């Protein structure tokens, strides 16, 4: 039984070695060719470029800041949410929760700043949404 298991292991290792050798050889063959890409690959590249251009306008930079707006209230029920695109254009939404009411505000953001006065939490949300490189 042990001899059979050892023989199976040797056969598996040899097969693995042959597969790795053949895979490396096929990669080397493909790298050395200067043939033009098939038309379908060029079409795919154009599609990817178009999708990237569309994604720049998507609201994909998001940050949420939760806090207590009033000293006598706990639970971080108030919040500011920044929703921005790649250029820093979008909106910051704020909801202030009090004991008897909640108020919600929306402020436009252009190039990572707003013409309207921002609270420290709104500024923090915008800065949190900014991609850091």
C-alpha atoms as a PDB file:
ATOM      1  CA  UNK A   1       0.000   0.000   0.000  1.00  0.00           C
ATOM      2  CA  UNK A   2       2.825   2.440   0.887  1.00  0.00           C
ATOM      3  CA  UNK A   3       4.678   1.545  -2.294  1.00  0.00           C
ATOM      4  CA  UNK A   4       1.559   2.292  -4.355  1.00  0.00           C
ATOM      5  CA  UNK A   5       1.111   5.698  -2.669  1.00  0.00           C
ATOM      6  CA  UNK A   6       4.768   6.589  -3.246  1.00  0.00           C
ATOM      7  CA  UNK A   7       4.507   5.596  -6.915  1.00  0.00           C
ATOM      8  CA  UNK A   8       1.349   7.733  -7.333  1.00  0.00           C
ATOM      9  CA  UNK A   9       3.152  10.701  -5.735  1.00  0.00           C
ATOM     10  CA  UNK A  10       6.113  10.358  -8.104  1.00  0.00           C
ATOM     11  CA  UNK A  11       3.824  10.186 -11.145  1.00  0.00           C
ATOM     12  CA  UNK A  12       1.912  13.284  -9.948  1.00  0.00           C
ATOM     13  CA  UNK A  13       5.154  15.254  -9.433  1.00  0.00           C
ATOM     14  CA  UNK A  14       6.440  14.327 -12.895  1.00  0.00           C
ATOM     15  CA  UNK A  15       3.106  15.380 -14.460  1.00  0.00           C
ATOM     16  CA  UNK A  16       3.240  18.677 -12.582  1.00  0.00           C
ATOM     17  CA  UNK A  17       6.794  19.321 -13.766  1.00  0.00           C
ATOM     18  CA  UNK A  18       5.863  18.631 -17.395  1.00  0.00           C
ATOM     19  CA  UNK A  19       2.815  20.935 -17.142  1.00  0.00           C
ATOM     20  CA  UNK A  20       4.897  23.789 -15.713  1.00  0.00           C
ATOM     21  CA  UNK A  21       7.551  23.324 -18.395  1.00  0.00           C
ATOM     22  CA  UNK A  22       4.966  23.392 -21.201  1.00  0.00           C
ATOM     23  CA  UNK A  23       3.184  26.406 -19.716  1.00  0.00           C
ATOM     24  CA  UNK A  24       6.397  28.410 -19.476  1.00  0.00           C
ATOM     25  CA  UNK A  25       7.298  27.520 -23.054  1.00  0.00           C
ATOM     26  CA  UNK A  26       3.950  28.675 -24.415  1.00  0.00           C
ATOM     27  CA  UNK A  27       4.263  32.030 -22.598  1.00  0.00           C
ATOM     28  CA  UNK A  28       7.737  32.609 -24.017  1.00  0.00           C
ATOM     29  CA  UNK A  29       6.476  31.885 -27.537  1.00  0.00           C
ATOM     30  CA  UNK A  30       3.680  34.458 -27.203  1.00  0.00           C
ATOM     31  CA  UNK A  31       5.946  37.219 -25.858  1.00  0.00           C
ATOM     32  CA  UNK A  32       8.309  37.096 -28.816  1.00  0.00           C
ATOM     33  CA  UNK A  33       5.753  37.703 -31.567  1.00  0.00           C
ATOM     34  CA  UNK A  34       5.115  41.096 -33.101  1.00  0.00           C
ATOM     35  CA  UNK A  35       1.850  40.116 -34.745  1.00  0.00           C
ATOM     36  CA  UNK A  36      -0.922  42.706 -34.652  1.00  0.00           C
ATOM     37  CA  UNK A  37      -3.709  42.123 -32.175  1.00  0.00           C
ATOM     38  CA  UNK A  38      -6.910  40.630 -33.510  1.00  0.00           C
ATOM     39  CA  UNK A  39      -9.649  43.159 -34.184  1.00  0.00           C
ATOM     40  CA  UNK A  40     -11.814  41.910 -31.327  1.00  0.00           C
ATOM     41  CA  UNK A  41      -9.057  42.783 -28.825  1.00  0.00           C
ATOM     42  CA  UNK A  42      -8.835  46.313 -30.216  1.00  0.00           C
ATOM     43  CA  UNK A  43     -12.612  46.609 -29.869  1.00  0.00           C
ATOM     44  CA  UNK A  44     -12.376  45.475 -26.260  1.00  0.00           C
ATOM     45  CA  UNK A  45      -9.722  48.101 -25.561  1.00  0.00           C
ATOM     46  CA  UNK A  46     -12.022  50.783 -26.970  1.00  0.00           C
ATOM     47  CA  UNK A  47     -14.860  49.526 -24.774  1.00  0.00           C
ATOM     48  CA  UNK A  48     -12.630  49.644 -21.694  1.00  0.00           C
ATOM     49  CA  UNK A  49     -11.547  53.202 -22.536  1.00  0.00           C
ATOM     50  CA  UNK A  50     -15.195  54.260 -22.925  1.00  0.00           C
ATOM     51  CA  UNK A  51     -16.128  52.658 -19.591  1.00  0.00           C
ATOM     52  CA  UNK A  52     -13.240  54.403 -17.847  1.00  0.00           C
ATOM     53  CA  UNK A  53     -14.386  57.751 -19.256  1.00  0.00           C
ATOM     54  CA  UNK A  54     -17.921  57.107 -17.974  1.00  0.00           C
ATOM     55  CA  UNK A  55     -16.637  56.041 -14.548  1.00  0.00           C
ATOM     56  CA  UNK A  56     -14.953  59.427 -14.029  1.00  0.00           C
ATOM     57  CA  UNK A  57     -18.433  60.960 -13.697  1.00  0.00           C
ATOM     58  CA  UNK A  58     -19.762  58.264 -11.371  1.00  0.00           C
ATOM     59  CA  UNK A  59     -20.278  59.121  -7.704  1.00  0.00           C
ATOM     60  CA  UNK A  60     -17.775  56.559  -6.520  1.00  0.00           C
ATOM     61  CA  UNK A  61     -15.880  58.407  -3.787  1.00  0.00           C
ATOM     62  CA  UNK A  62     -17.934  58.005  -0.629  1.00  0.00           C
ATOM     63  CA  UNK A  63     -17.293  58.834   3.013  1.00  0.00           C
ATOM     64  CA  UNK A  64     -19.583  58.862   6.039  1.00  0.00           C
ATOM     65  CA  UNK A  65     -18.963  60.729   9.295  1.00  0.00           C
ATOM     66  CA  UNK A  66     -21.226  59.937  12.258  1.00  0.00           C
ATOM     67  CA  UNK A  67     -21.313  62.192  15.301  1.00  0.00           C
ATOM     68  CA  UNK A  68     -23.352  63.643  18.166  1.00  0.00           C
ATOM     69  CA  UNK A  69     -24.633  67.039  17.046  1.00  0.00           C
ATOM     70  CA  UNK A  70     -25.735  67.989  20.554  1.00  0.00           C
ATOM     71  CA  UNK A  71     -23.893  67.398  23.808  1.00  0.00           C
ATOM     72  CA  UNK A  72     -26.902  65.921  25.605  1.00  0.00           C
ATOM     73  CA  UNK A  73     -27.531  63.251  22.952  1.00  0.00           C
ATOM     74  CA  UNK A  74     -25.518  60.113  22.369  1.00  0.00           C
ATOM     75  CA  UNK A  75     -25.454  57.292  19.869  1.00  0.00           C
ATOM     76  CA  UNK A  76     -23.906  59.166  16.939  1.00  0.00           C
ATOM     77  CA  UNK A  77     -27.300  59.585  15.250  1.00  0.00           C
ATOM     78  CA  UNK A  78     -26.259  62.625  13.199  1.00  0.00           C
ATOM     79  CA  UNK A  79     -24.221  62.066  10.040  1.00  0.00           C
ATOM     80  CA  UNK A  80     -22.625  63.690   7.004  1.00  0.00           C
ATOM     81  CA  UNK A  81     -22.231  61.715   3.783  1.00  0.00           C
ATOM     82  CA  UNK A  82     -20.060  62.832   0.842  1.00  0.00           C
ATOM     83  CA  UNK A  83     -20.834  61.387  -2.628  1.00  0.00           C
ATOM     84  CA  UNK A  84     -18.286  62.601  -5.176  1.00  0.00           C
ATOM     85  CA  UNK A  85     -16.881  61.762  -8.619  1.00  0.00           C
ATOM     86  CA  UNK A  86     -13.212  61.664  -9.651  1.00  0.00           C
ATOM     87  CA  UNK A  87     -13.081  65.471 -10.000  1.00  0.00           C
ATOM     88  CA  UNK A  88     -14.552  66.077  -6.554  1.00  0.00           C
ATOM     89  CA  UNK A  89     -17.958  67.106  -7.900  1.00  0.00           C
ATOM     90  CA  UNK A  90     -21.096  65.883  -6.177  1.00  0.00           C
ATOM     91  CA  UNK A  91     -22.990  66.436  -2.969  1.00  0.00           C
ATOM     92  CA  UNK A  92     -22.597  66.240   0.785  1.00  0.00           C
ATOM     93  CA  UNK A  93     -25.729  65.196   2.687  1.00  0.00           C
ATOM     94  CA  UNK A  94     -26.127  65.939   6.390  1.00  0.00           C
ATOM     95  CA  UNK A  95     -28.753  64.800   8.858  1.00  0.00           C
ATOM     96  CA  UNK A  96     -28.866  66.453  12.283  1.00  0.00           C
ATOM     97  CA  UNK A  97     -30.826  64.481  14.872  1.00  0.00           C
ATOM     98  CA  UNK A  98     -32.254  66.201  17.927  1.00  0.00           C
ATOM     99  CA  UNK A  99     -34.578  64.969  20.664  1.00  0.00           C
ATOM    100  CA  UNK A 100     -37.808  65.871  18.875  1.00  0.00           C
ATOM    101  CA  UNK A 101     -36.813  66.311  15.239  1.00  0.00           C
ATOM    102  CA  UNK A 102     -34.287  65.575  12.552  1.00  0.00           C
ATOM    103  CA  UNK A 103     -33.228  67.965   9.803  1.00  0.00           C
ATOM    104  CA  UNK A 104     -31.526  67.012   6.579  1.00  0.00           C
ATOM    105  CA  UNK A 105     -29.362  69.263   4.394  1.00  0.00           C
ATOM    106  CA  UNK A 106     -27.761  68.852   0.972  1.00  0.00           C
ATOM    107  CA  UNK A 107     -24.863  70.997  -0.207  1.00  0.00           C
ATOM    108  CA  UNK A 108     -23.288  70.888  -3.654  1.00  0.00           C
ATOM    109  CA  UNK A 109     -19.575  70.217  -3.952  1.00  0.00           C
ATOM    110  CA  UNK A 110     -17.381  71.352  -6.830  1.00  0.00           C
ATOM    111  CA  UNK A 111     -13.683  70.464  -7.052  1.00  0.00           C
ATOM    112  CA  UNK A 112     -13.632  69.166  -3.465  1.00  0.00           C
ATOM    113  CA  UNK A 113     -15.071  72.423  -2.031  1.00  0.00           C
ATOM    114  CA  UNK A 114     -18.490  74.022  -1.558  1.00  0.00           C
ATOM    115  CA  UNK A 115     -19.701  77.575  -2.036  1.00  0.00           C
ATOM    116  CA  UNK A 116     -21.904  77.079   1.025  1.00  0.00           C
ATOM    117  CA  UNK A 117     -20.360  77.100   4.476  1.00  0.00           C
ATOM    118  CA  UNK A 118     -19.487  73.571   5.579  1.00  0.00           C
ATOM    119  CA  UNK A 119     -19.568  72.173   9.091  1.00  0.00           C
ATOM    120  CA  UNK A 120     -16.390  70.491  10.355  1.00  0.00           C
ATOM    121  CA  UNK A 121     -18.090  67.098   9.894  1.00  0.00           C
ATOM    122  CA  UNK A 122     -19.053  67.899   6.291  1.00  0.00           C
ATOM    123  CA  UNK A 123     -15.480  68.967   5.548  1.00  0.00           C
ATOM    124  CA  UNK A 124     -14.238  65.751   7.167  1.00  0.00           C
ATOM    125  CA  UNK A 125     -16.577  63.677   4.979  1.00  0.00           C
ATOM    126  CA  UNK A 126     -15.367  65.424   1.807  1.00  0.00           C
ATOM    127  CA  UNK A 127     -11.741  64.940   2.810  1.00  0.00           C
ATOM    128  CA  UNK A 128     -12.447  61.286   3.664  1.00  0.00           C
ATOM    129  CA  UNK A 129     -13.904  60.722   0.189  1.00  0.00           C
ATOM    130  CA  UNK A 130     -10.875  62.236  -1.562  1.00  0.00           C
ATOM    131  CA  UNK A 131      -8.586  59.518  -2.956  1.00  0.00           C
ATOM    132  CA  UNK A 132      -5.139  59.764  -1.405  1.00  0.00           C
ATOM    133  CA  UNK A 133      -2.250  58.884  -3.668  1.00  0.00           C
END
